[in-house]
Amino acid sequence: MIKDSTVSARVQSDIKYEAEEILQKLGIPVSVVINSLYRQIIFKHGVPFSLTVPVSLPTLDSMTKAEFDTQMEHSYEQSKRGEGLSAAEFFDELEGTIQ
């Protein structure tokens, strides 16, 4: 079958970078993943995964060591790229949600 359509989407650059880095390690082109997702949407007649809002955010007590390590590594990489908030900005934002 001839592939003759292009998909274009705007995503956050850090999300794109992380996902493409993982796919590269797996040896899977982005186009294969997108094509597979579209096929699953057709097969399932909907989105092939749950789209729900978590009841609560994960806490350290509810995470496995691997989950915690993954979260810390992600945060560290964001910090190295200069992304995220300073502690002062974070607490200012947090206080705004409490009031």
PDB file of N, CA and C in Angstrom:
ATOM      1  N   MET A   1       0.842  -1.177   0.000  1.00  0.00           N
ATOM      2  CA  MET A   1       0.000   0.000   0.000  1.00  0.00           C
ATOM      3  C   MET A   1       0.890   1.244   0.000  1.00  0.00           C
ATOM      4  N   ILE A   2       0.554   2.232  -0.795  1.00  0.00           N
ATOM      5  CA  ILE A   2       1.323   3.461  -0.905  1.00  0.00           C
ATOM      6  C   ILE A   2       0.975   4.382   0.257  1.00  0.00           C
ATOM      7  N   LYS A   3       2.000   4.853   0.921  1.00  0.00           N
ATOM      8  CA  LYS A   3       1.791   5.819   2.003  1.00  0.00           C
ATOM      9  C   LYS A   3       1.864   7.204   1.379  1.00  0.00           C
ATOM     10  N   ASP A   4       0.718   7.881   1.308  1.00  0.00           N
ATOM     11  CA  ASP A   4       0.685   9.153   0.605  1.00  0.00           C
ATOM     12  C   ASP A   4       0.079  10.300   1.423  1.00  0.00           C
ATOM     13  N   SER A   5      -0.036  10.124   2.730  1.00  0.00           N
ATOM     14  CA  SER A   5      -0.572  11.176   3.583  1.00  0.00           C
ATOM     15  C   SER A   5       0.437  11.534   4.663  1.00  0.00           C
ATOM     16  N   THR A   6       0.398  12.788   5.057  1.00  0.00           N
ATOM     17  CA  THR A   6       1.282  13.277   6.101  1.00  0.00           C
ATOM     18  C   THR A   6       0.448  13.680   7.309  1.00  0.00           C
ATOM     19  N   VAL A   7       0.937  13.378   8.497  1.00  0.00           N
ATOM     20  CA  VAL A   7       0.300  13.786   9.740  1.00  0.00           C
ATOM     21  C   VAL A   7       1.184  14.854  10.364  1.00  0.00           C
ATOM     22  N   SER A   8       0.581  15.951  10.774  1.00  0.00           N
ATOM     23  CA  SER A   8       1.329  17.030  11.400  1.00  0.00           C
ATOM     24  C   SER A   8       0.652  17.376  12.720  1.00  0.00           C
ATOM     25  N   ALA A   9       1.437  17.451  13.773  1.00  0.00           N
ATOM     26  CA  ALA A   9       0.883  17.779  15.092  1.00  0.00           C
ATOM     27  C   ALA A   9       1.886  18.613  15.866  1.00  0.00           C
ATOM     28  N   ARG A  10       1.393  19.549  16.655  1.00  0.00           N
ATOM     29  CA  ARG A  10       2.267  20.356  17.499  1.00  0.00           C
ATOM     30  C   ARG A  10       2.262  19.739  18.895  1.00  0.00           C
ATOM     31  N   VAL A  11       3.447  19.452  19.394  1.00  0.00           N
ATOM     32  CA  VAL A  11       3.591  18.884  20.729  1.00  0.00           C
ATOM     33  C   VAL A  11       4.682  19.644  21.469  1.00  0.00           C
ATOM     34  N   GLN A  12       4.690  19.512  22.784  1.00  0.00           N
ATOM     35  CA  GLN A  12       5.743  20.140  23.582  1.00  0.00           C
ATOM     36  C   GLN A  12       7.075  19.514  23.193  1.00  0.00           C
ATOM     37  N   SER A  13       8.085  20.343  23.018  1.00  0.00           N
ATOM     38  CA  SER A  13       9.371  19.834  22.536  1.00  0.00           C
ATOM     39  C   SER A  13       9.996  18.824  23.498  1.00  0.00           C
ATOM     40  N   ASP A  14       9.819  18.990  24.824  1.00  0.00           N
ATOM     41  CA  ASP A  14      10.419  18.023  25.741  1.00  0.00           C
ATOM     42  C   ASP A  14       9.735  16.660  25.634  1.00  0.00           C
ATOM     43  N   ILE A  15       8.428  16.662  25.397  1.00  0.00           N
ATOM     44  CA  ILE A  15       7.692  15.412  25.220  1.00  0.00           C
ATOM     45  C   ILE A  15       8.158  14.719  23.941  1.00  0.00           C
ATOM     46  N   LYS A  16       8.268  15.492  22.858  1.00  0.00           N
ATOM     47  CA  LYS A  16       8.722  14.965  21.576  1.00  0.00           C
ATOM     48  C   LYS A  16      10.128  14.382  21.710  1.00  0.00           C
ATOM     49  N   TYR A  17      11.016  15.125  22.346  1.00  0.00           N
ATOM     50  CA  TYR A  17      12.406  14.693  22.515  1.00  0.00           C
ATOM     51  C   TYR A  17      12.486  13.375  23.289  1.00  0.00           C
ATOM     52  N   GLU A  18      11.793  13.321  24.415  1.00  0.00           N
ATOM     53  CA  GLU A  18      11.836  12.107  25.240  1.00  0.00           C
ATOM     54  C   GLU A  18      11.281  10.891  24.508  1.00  0.00           C
ATOM     55  N   ALA A  19      10.125  11.077  23.866  1.00  0.00           N
ATOM     56  CA  ALA A  19       9.498   9.963  23.154  1.00  0.00           C
ATOM     57  C   ALA A  19      10.378   9.481  22.005  1.00  0.00           C
ATOM     58  N   GLU A  20      10.924  10.414  21.226  1.00  0.00           N
ATOM     59  CA  GLU A  20      11.757  10.026  20.094  1.00  0.00           C
ATOM     60  C   GLU A  20      13.061   9.366  20.543  1.00  0.00           C
ATOM     61  N   GLU A  21      13.567   9.810  21.687  1.00  0.00           N
ATOM     62  CA  GLU A  21      14.781   9.192  22.241  1.00  0.00           C
ATOM     63  C   GLU A  21      14.509   7.729  22.610  1.00  0.00           C
ATOM     64  N   ILE A  22      13.374   7.469  23.214  1.00  0.00           N
ATOM     65  CA  ILE A  22      12.994   6.101  23.589  1.00  0.00           C
ATOM     66  C   ILE A  22      12.779   5.257  22.335  1.00  0.00           C
ATOM     67  N   LEU A  23      12.057   5.802  21.368  1.00  0.00           N
ATOM     68  CA  LEU A  23      11.807   5.061  20.129  1.00  0.00           C
ATOM     69  C   LEU A  23      13.107   4.750  19.397  1.00  0.00           C
ATOM     70  N   GLN A  24      14.035   5.698  19.420  1.00  0.00           N
ATOM     71  CA  GLN A  24      15.329   5.462  18.773  1.00  0.00           C
ATOM     72  C   GLN A  24      16.068   4.304  19.451  1.00  0.00           C
ATOM     73  N   LYS A  25      16.041   4.264  20.778  1.00  0.00           N
ATOM     74  CA  LYS A  25      16.678   3.164  21.510  1.00  0.00           C
ATOM     75  C   LYS A  25      16.031   1.824  21.163  1.00  0.00           C
ATOM     76  N   LEU A  26      14.716   1.857  20.913  1.00  0.00           N
ATOM     77  CA  LEU A  26      13.989   0.646  20.553  1.00  0.00           C
ATOM     78  C   LEU A  26      14.137   0.297  19.076  1.00  0.00           C
ATOM     79  N   GLY A  27      14.656   1.248  18.283  1.00  0.00           N
ATOM     80  CA  GLY A  27      14.814   1.017  16.855  1.00  0.00           C
ATOM     81  C   GLY A  27      13.504   1.091  16.088  1.00  0.00           C
ATOM     82  N   ILE A  28      12.570   1.903  16.597  1.00  0.00           N
ATOM     83  CA  ILE A  28      11.253   2.016  15.969  1.00  0.00           C
ATOM     84  C   ILE A  28      11.076   3.445  15.441  1.00  0.00           C
ATOM     85  N   PRO A  29      10.854   3.605  14.137  1.00  0.00           N
ATOM     86  CA  PRO A  29      10.605   4.946  13.601  1.00  0.00           C
ATOM     87  C   PRO A  29       9.287   5.525  14.115  1.00  0.00           C
ATOM     88  N   VAL A  30       9.240   6.835  14.272  1.00  0.00           N
ATOM     89  CA  VAL A  30       8.034   7.512  14.741  1.00  0.00           C
ATOM     90  C   VAL A  30       6.855   7.184  13.830  1.00  0.00           C
ATOM     91  N   SER A  31       7.097   7.138  12.530  1.00  0.00           N
ATOM     92  CA  SER A  31       6.012   6.869  11.576  1.00  0.00           C
ATOM     93  C   SER A  31       5.366   5.505  11.822  1.00  0.00           C
ATOM     94  N   VAL A  32       6.160   4.526  12.255  1.00  0.00           N
ATOM     95  CA  VAL A  32       5.613   3.195  12.548  1.00  0.00           C
ATOM     96  C   VAL A  32       4.678   3.266  13.752  1.00  0.00           C
ATOM     97  N   VAL A  33       5.064   4.033  14.760  1.00  0.00           N
ATOM     98  CA  VAL A  33       4.229   4.171  15.955  1.00  0.00           C
ATOM     99  C   VAL A  33       2.928   4.888  15.613  1.00  0.00           C
ATOM    100  N   ILE A  34       3.014   5.967  14.849  1.00  0.00           N
ATOM    101  CA  ILE A  34       1.805   6.708  14.468  1.00  0.00           C
ATOM    102  C   ILE A  34       0.889   5.822  13.627  1.00  0.00           C
ATOM    103  N   ASN A  35       1.462   5.117  12.667  1.00  0.00           N
ATOM    104  CA  ASN A  35       0.674   4.218  11.828  1.00  0.00           C
ATOM    105  C   ASN A  35       0.005   3.133  12.679  1.00  0.00           C
ATOM    106  N   SER A  36       0.745   2.586  13.641  1.00  0.00           N
ATOM    107  CA  SER A  36       0.188   1.558  14.536  1.00  0.00           C
ATOM    108  C   SER A  36      -0.942   2.127  15.386  1.00  0.00           C
ATOM    109  N   LEU A  37      -0.769   3.354  15.879  1.00  0.00           N
ATOM    110  CA  LEU A  37      -1.817   3.992  16.672  1.00  0.00           C
ATOM    111  C   LEU A  37      -3.077   4.161  15.835  1.00  0.00           C
ATOM    112  N   TYR A  38      -2.933   4.666  14.623  1.00  0.00           N
ATOM    113  CA  TYR A  38      -4.090   4.843  13.747  1.00  0.00           C
ATOM    114  C   TYR A  38      -4.788   3.515  13.479  1.00  0.00           C
ATOM    115  N   ARG A  39      -4.015   2.452  13.254  1.00  0.00           N
ATOM    116  CA  ARG A  39      -4.610   1.137  13.008  1.00  0.00           C
ATOM    117  C   ARG A  39      -5.390   0.649  14.238  1.00  0.00           C
ATOM    118  N   GLN A  40      -4.842   0.904  15.431  1.00  0.00           N
ATOM    119  CA  GLN A  40      -5.531   0.500  16.657  1.00  0.00           C
ATOM    120  C   GLN A  40      -6.813   1.310  16.861  1.00  0.00           C
ATOM    121  N   ILE A  41      -6.791   2.590  16.516  1.00  0.00           N
ATOM    122  CA  ILE A  41      -8.000   3.418  16.605  1.00  0.00           C
ATOM    123  C   ILE A  41      -9.090   2.835  15.716  1.00  0.00           C
ATOM    124  N   ILE A  42      -8.705   2.431  14.500  1.00  0.00           N
ATOM    125  CA  ILE A  42      -9.662   1.820  13.577  1.00  0.00           C
ATOM    126  C   ILE A  42     -10.168   0.494  14.140  1.00  0.00           C
ATOM    127  N   PHE A  43      -9.240  -0.341  14.613  1.00  0.00           N
ATOM    128  CA  PHE A  43      -9.591  -1.659  15.131  1.00  0.00           C
ATOM    129  C   PHE A  43     -10.520  -1.567  16.344  1.00  0.00           C
ATOM    130  N   LYS A  44     -10.219  -0.649  17.255  1.00  0.00           N
ATOM    131  CA  LYS A  44     -11.005  -0.516  18.494  1.00  0.00           C
ATOM    132  C   LYS A  44     -12.209   0.410  18.337  1.00  0.00           C
ATOM    133  N   HIS A  45     -12.271   1.110  17.220  1.00  0.00           N
ATOM    134  CA  HIS A  45     -13.315   2.125  17.013  1.00  0.00           C
ATOM    135  C   HIS A  45     -13.278   3.168  18.123  1.00  0.00           C
ATOM    136  N   GLY A  46     -12.088   3.549  18.507  1.00  0.00           N
ATOM    137  CA  GLY A  46     -11.889   4.552  19.553  1.00  0.00           C
ATOM    138  C   GLY A  46     -10.422   4.601  19.936  1.00  0.00           C
ATOM    139  N   VAL A  47     -10.137   5.370  20.932  1.00  0.00           N
ATOM    140  CA  VAL A  47      -8.763   5.489  21.418  1.00  0.00           C
ATOM    141  C   VAL A  47      -8.399   4.182  22.128  1.00  0.00           C
ATOM    142  N   PRO A  48      -7.240   3.585  21.787  1.00  0.00           N
ATOM    143  CA  PRO A  48      -6.908   2.255  22.311  1.00  0.00           C
ATOM    144  C   PRO A  48      -6.321   2.223  23.720  1.00  0.00           C
ATOM    145  N   PHE A  49      -6.543   3.271  24.478  1.00  0.00           N
ATOM    146  CA  PHE A  49      -6.088   3.275  25.868  1.00  0.00           C
ATOM    147  C   PHE A  49      -7.037   4.147  26.664  1.00  0.00           C
ATOM    148  N   SER A  50      -6.997   3.992  27.969  1.00  0.00           N
ATOM    149  CA  SER A  50      -7.901   4.710  28.854  1.00  0.00           C
ATOM    150  C   SER A  50      -7.524   6.187  28.934  1.00  0.00           C
ATOM    151  N   LEU A  51      -8.501   7.039  28.803  1.00  0.00           N
ATOM    152  CA  LEU A  51      -8.311   8.479  28.976  1.00  0.00           C
ATOM    153  C   LEU A  51      -9.087   8.900  30.209  1.00  0.00           C
ATOM    154  N   THR A  52      -8.440   8.806  31.353  1.00  0.00           N
ATOM    155  CA  THR A  52      -9.096   9.153  32.605  1.00  0.00           C
ATOM    156  C   THR A  52      -8.209  10.088  33.410  1.00  0.00           C
ATOM    157  N   VAL A  53      -8.840  10.826  34.273  1.00  0.00           N
ATOM    158  CA  VAL A  53      -8.114  11.689  35.191  1.00  0.00           C
ATOM    159  C   VAL A  53      -7.874  10.884  36.463  1.00  0.00           C
ATOM    160  N   PRO A  54      -6.625  10.803  36.921  1.00  0.00           N
ATOM    161  CA  PRO A  54      -6.383  10.027  38.143  1.00  0.00           C
ATOM    162  C   PRO A  54      -7.105  10.647  39.332  1.00  0.00           C
ATOM    163  N   VAL A  55      -7.560   9.794  40.220  1.00  0.00           N
ATOM    164  CA  VAL A  55      -8.256  10.263  41.417  1.00  0.00           C
ATOM    165  C   VAL A  55      -7.304  11.080  42.276  1.00  0.00           C
ATOM    166  N   SER A  56      -6.066  10.631  42.348  1.00  0.00           N
ATOM    167  CA  SER A  56      -5.069  11.372  43.109  1.00  0.00           C
ATOM    168  C   SER A  56      -3.711  11.210  42.440  1.00  0.00           C
ATOM    169  N   LEU A  57      -2.835  12.135  42.719  1.00  0.00           N
ATOM    170  CA  LEU A  57      -1.487  12.049  42.179  1.00  0.00           C
ATOM    171  C   LEU A  57      -0.699  10.982  42.931  1.00  0.00           C
ATOM    172  N   PRO A  58       0.229  10.324  42.245  1.00  0.00           N
ATOM    173  CA  PRO A  58       1.020   9.304  42.933  1.00  0.00           C
ATOM    174  C   PRO A  58       1.895   9.922  44.017  1.00  0.00           C
ATOM    175  N   THR A  59       2.029   9.205  45.097  1.00  0.00           N
ATOM    176  CA  THR A  59       2.911   9.632  46.182  1.00  0.00           C
ATOM    177  C   THR A  59       4.072   8.656  46.268  1.00  0.00           C
ATOM    178  N   LEU A  60       5.091   9.026  46.994  1.00  0.00           N
ATOM    179  CA  LEU A  60       6.261   8.159  47.160  1.00  0.00           C
ATOM    180  C   LEU A  60       5.841   6.796  47.706  1.00  0.00           C
ATOM    181  N   ASP A  61       4.881   6.786  48.627  1.00  0.00           N
ATOM    182  CA  ASP A  61       4.421   5.528  49.222  1.00  0.00           C
ATOM    183  C   ASP A  61       3.754   4.599  48.207  1.00  0.00           C
ATOM    184  N   SER A  62       3.161   5.187  47.156  1.00  0.00           N
ATOM    185  CA  SER A  62       2.444   4.360  46.193  1.00  0.00           C
ATOM    186  C   SER A  62       3.295   3.954  44.988  1.00  0.00           C
ATOM    187  N   MET A  63       4.533   4.479  44.903  1.00  0.00           N
ATOM    188  CA  MET A  63       5.402   4.187  43.756  1.00  0.00           C
ATOM    189  C   MET A  63       6.344   3.031  44.049  1.00  0.00           C
ATOM    190  N   THR A  64       6.662   2.294  42.988  1.00  0.00           N
ATOM    191  CA  THR A  64       7.733   1.304  43.107  1.00  0.00           C
ATOM    192  C   THR A  64       9.055   2.052  43.009  1.00  0.00           C
ATOM    193  N   LYS A  65      10.132   1.389  43.359  1.00  0.00           N
ATOM    194  CA  LYS A  65      11.455   2.017  43.233  1.00  0.00           C
ATOM    195  C   LYS A  65      11.726   2.398  41.788  1.00  0.00           C
ATOM    196  N   ALA A  66      11.356   1.534  40.846  1.00  0.00           N
ATOM    197  CA  ALA A  66      11.577   1.817  39.423  1.00  0.00           C
ATOM    198  C   ALA A  66      10.790   3.047  38.977  1.00  0.00           C
ATOM    199  N   GLU A  67       9.530   3.163  39.428  1.00  0.00           N
ATOM    200  CA  GLU A  67       8.720   4.329  39.067  1.00  0.00           C
ATOM    201  C   GLU A  67       9.327   5.614  39.636  1.00  0.00           C
ATOM    202  N   PHE A  68       9.772   5.533  40.889  1.00  0.00           N
ATOM    203  CA  PHE A  68      10.390   6.690  41.527  1.00  0.00           C
ATOM    204  C   PHE A  68      11.668   7.082  40.787  1.00  0.00           C
ATOM    205  N   ASP A  69      12.509   6.098  40.488  1.00  0.00           N
ATOM    206  CA  ASP A  69      13.764   6.368  39.773  1.00  0.00           C
ATOM    207  C   ASP A  69      13.501   6.996  38.410  1.00  0.00           C
ATOM    208  N   THR A  70      12.487   6.504  37.709  1.00  0.00           N
ATOM    209  CA  THR A  70      12.125   7.064  36.400  1.00  0.00           C
ATOM    210  C   THR A  70      11.691   8.513  36.546  1.00  0.00           C
ATOM    211  N   GLN A  71      10.873   8.803  37.547  1.00  0.00           N
ATOM    212  CA  GLN A  71      10.402  10.176  37.781  1.00  0.00           C
ATOM    213  C   GLN A  71      11.571  11.094  38.115  1.00  0.00           C
ATOM    214  N   MET A  72      12.486  10.629  38.944  1.00  0.00           N
ATOM    215  CA  MET A  72      13.644  11.441  39.323  1.00  0.00           C
ATOM    216  C   MET A  72      14.550  11.699  38.111  1.00  0.00           C
ATOM    217  N   GLU A  73      14.756  10.678  37.284  1.00  0.00           N
ATOM    218  CA  GLU A  73      15.582  10.832  36.094  1.00  0.00           C
ATOM    219  C   GLU A  73      14.953  11.846  35.137  1.00  0.00           C
ATOM    220  N   HIS A  74      13.643  11.749  34.957  1.00  0.00           N
ATOM    221  CA  HIS A  74      12.920  12.696  34.101  1.00  0.00           C
ATOM    222  C   HIS A  74      13.094  14.126  34.627  1.00  0.00           C
ATOM    223  N   SER A  75      12.916  14.312  35.914  1.00  0.00           N
ATOM    224  CA  SER A  75      13.041  15.642  36.515  1.00  0.00           C
ATOM    225  C   SER A  75      14.462  16.168  36.399  1.00  0.00           C
ATOM    226  N   TYR A  76      15.428  15.295  36.589  1.00  0.00           N
ATOM    227  CA  TYR A  76      16.835  15.693  36.475  1.00  0.00           C
ATOM    228  C   TYR A  76      17.153  16.153  35.056  1.00  0.00           C
ATOM    229  N   GLU A  77      16.678  15.412  34.062  1.00  0.00           N
ATOM    230  CA  GLU A  77      16.920  15.776  32.657  1.00  0.00           C
ATOM    231  C   GLU A  77      16.259  17.120  32.337  1.00  0.00           C
ATOM    232  N   GLN A  78      15.048  17.347  32.843  1.00  0.00           N
ATOM    233  CA  GLN A  78      14.379  18.637  32.649  1.00  0.00           C
ATOM    234  C   GLN A  78      15.213  19.753  33.256  1.00  0.00           C
ATOM    235  N   SER A  79      15.728  19.518  34.433  1.00  0.00           N
ATOM    236  CA  SER A  79      16.534  20.523  35.122  1.00  0.00           C
ATOM    237  C   SER A  79      17.796  20.847  34.321  1.00  0.00           C
ATOM    238  N   LYS A  80      18.452  19.824  33.797  1.00  0.00           N
ATOM    239  CA  LYS A  80      19.660  20.042  32.994  1.00  0.00           C
ATOM    240  C   LYS A  80      19.364  20.871  31.744  1.00  0.00           C
ATOM    241  N   ARG A  81      18.150  20.718  31.197  1.00  0.00           N
ATOM    242  CA  ARG A  81      17.763  21.481  30.003  1.00  0.00           C
ATOM    243  C   ARG A  81      17.235  22.869  30.363  1.00  0.00           C
ATOM    244  N   GLY A  82      17.194  23.199  31.658  1.00  0.00           N
ATOM    245  CA  GLY A  82      16.718  24.511  32.085  1.00  0.00           C
ATOM    246  C   GLY A  82      15.216  24.652  32.044  1.00  0.00           C
ATOM    247  N   GLU A  83      14.508  23.540  32.065  1.00  0.00           N
ATOM    248  CA  GLU A  83      13.057  23.562  32.029  1.00  0.00           C
ATOM    249  C   GLU A  83      12.501  23.466  33.446  1.00  0.00           C
ATOM    250  N   GLY A  84      11.230  23.745  33.570  1.00  0.00           N
ATOM    251  CA  GLY A  84      10.594  23.620  34.874  1.00  0.00           C
ATOM    252  C   GLY A  84      10.582  24.952  35.609  1.00  0.00           C
ATOM    253  N   LEU A  85      10.255  24.889  36.882  1.00  0.00           N
ATOM    254  CA  LEU A  85      10.122  26.078  37.707  1.00  0.00           C
ATOM    255  C   LEU A  85      11.183  26.099  38.797  1.00  0.00           C
ATOM    256  N   SER A  86      11.538  27.293  39.227  1.00  0.00           N
ATOM    257  CA  SER A  86      12.386  27.399  40.415  1.00  0.00           C
ATOM    258  C   SER A  86      11.532  27.037  41.623  1.00  0.00           C
ATOM    259  N   ALA A  87      12.167  26.800  42.757  1.00  0.00           N
ATOM    260  CA  ALA A  87      11.415  26.463  43.967  1.00  0.00           C
ATOM    261  C   ALA A  87      10.453  27.594  44.327  1.00  0.00           C
ATOM    262  N   ALA A  88      10.914  28.839  44.216  1.00  0.00           N
ATOM    263  CA  ALA A  88      10.059  29.989  44.547  1.00  0.00           C
ATOM    264  C   ALA A  88       8.844  30.050  43.615  1.00  0.00           C
ATOM    265  N   GLU A  89       9.076  29.844  42.309  1.00  0.00           N
ATOM    266  CA  GLU A  89       7.964  29.851  41.351  1.00  0.00           C
ATOM    267  C   GLU A  89       6.974  28.725  41.653  1.00  0.00           C
ATOM    268  N   PHE A  90       7.516  27.550  41.984  1.00  0.00           N
ATOM    269  CA  PHE A  90       6.659  26.405  42.294  1.00  0.00           C
ATOM    270  C   PHE A  90       5.752  26.709  43.477  1.00  0.00           C
ATOM    271  N   PHE A  91       6.343  27.221  44.567  1.00  0.00           N
ATOM    272  CA  PHE A  91       5.541  27.492  45.763  1.00  0.00           C
ATOM    273  C   PHE A  91       4.547  28.623  45.539  1.00  0.00           C
ATOM    274  N   ASP A  92       4.919  29.629  44.736  1.00  0.00           N
ATOM    275  CA  ASP A  92       3.970  30.692  44.387  1.00  0.00           C
ATOM    276  C   ASP A  92       2.778  30.092  43.633  1.00  0.00           C
ATOM    277  N   GLU A  93       3.072  29.214  42.675  1.00  0.00           N
ATOM    278  CA  GLU A  93       2.010  28.584  41.906  1.00  0.00           C
ATOM    279  C   GLU A  93       1.151  27.691  42.795  1.00  0.00           C
ATOM    280  N   LEU A  94       1.797  26.944  43.686  1.00  0.00           N
ATOM    281  CA  LEU A  94       1.077  26.061  44.601  1.00  0.00           C
ATOM    282  C   LEU A  94       0.152  26.860  45.513  1.00  0.00           C
ATOM    283  N   GLU A  95       0.649  27.963  46.063  1.00  0.00           N
ATOM    284  CA  GLU A  95      -0.187  28.805  46.927  1.00  0.00           C
ATOM    285  C   GLU A  95      -1.391  29.336  46.175  1.00  0.00           C
ATOM    286  N   GLY A  96      -1.228  29.632  44.903  1.00  0.00           N
ATOM    287  CA  GLY A  96      -2.336  30.137  44.096  1.00  0.00           C
ATOM    288  C   GLY A  96      -3.435  29.113  43.926  1.00  0.00           C
ATOM    289  N   THR A  97      -3.094  27.828  43.942  1.00  0.00           N
ATOM    290  CA  THR A  97      -4.114  26.781  43.768  1.00  0.00           C
ATOM    291  C   THR A  97      -4.818  26.473  45.079  1.00  0.00           C
ATOM    292  N   ILE A  98      -4.205  26.797  46.193  1.00  0.00           N
ATOM    293  CA  ILE A  98      -4.785  26.482  47.516  1.00  0.00           C
ATOM    294  C   ILE A  98      -5.837  27.506  47.899  1.00  0.00           C
ATOM    295  N   GLN A  99      -5.656  28.747  47.545  1.00  0.00           N
ATOM    296  CA  GLN A  99      -6.559  29.830  47.992  1.00  0.00           C
ATOM    297  C   GLN A  99      -7.907  29.735  47.373  1.00  0.00           C
TER     298      GLN A  99
END
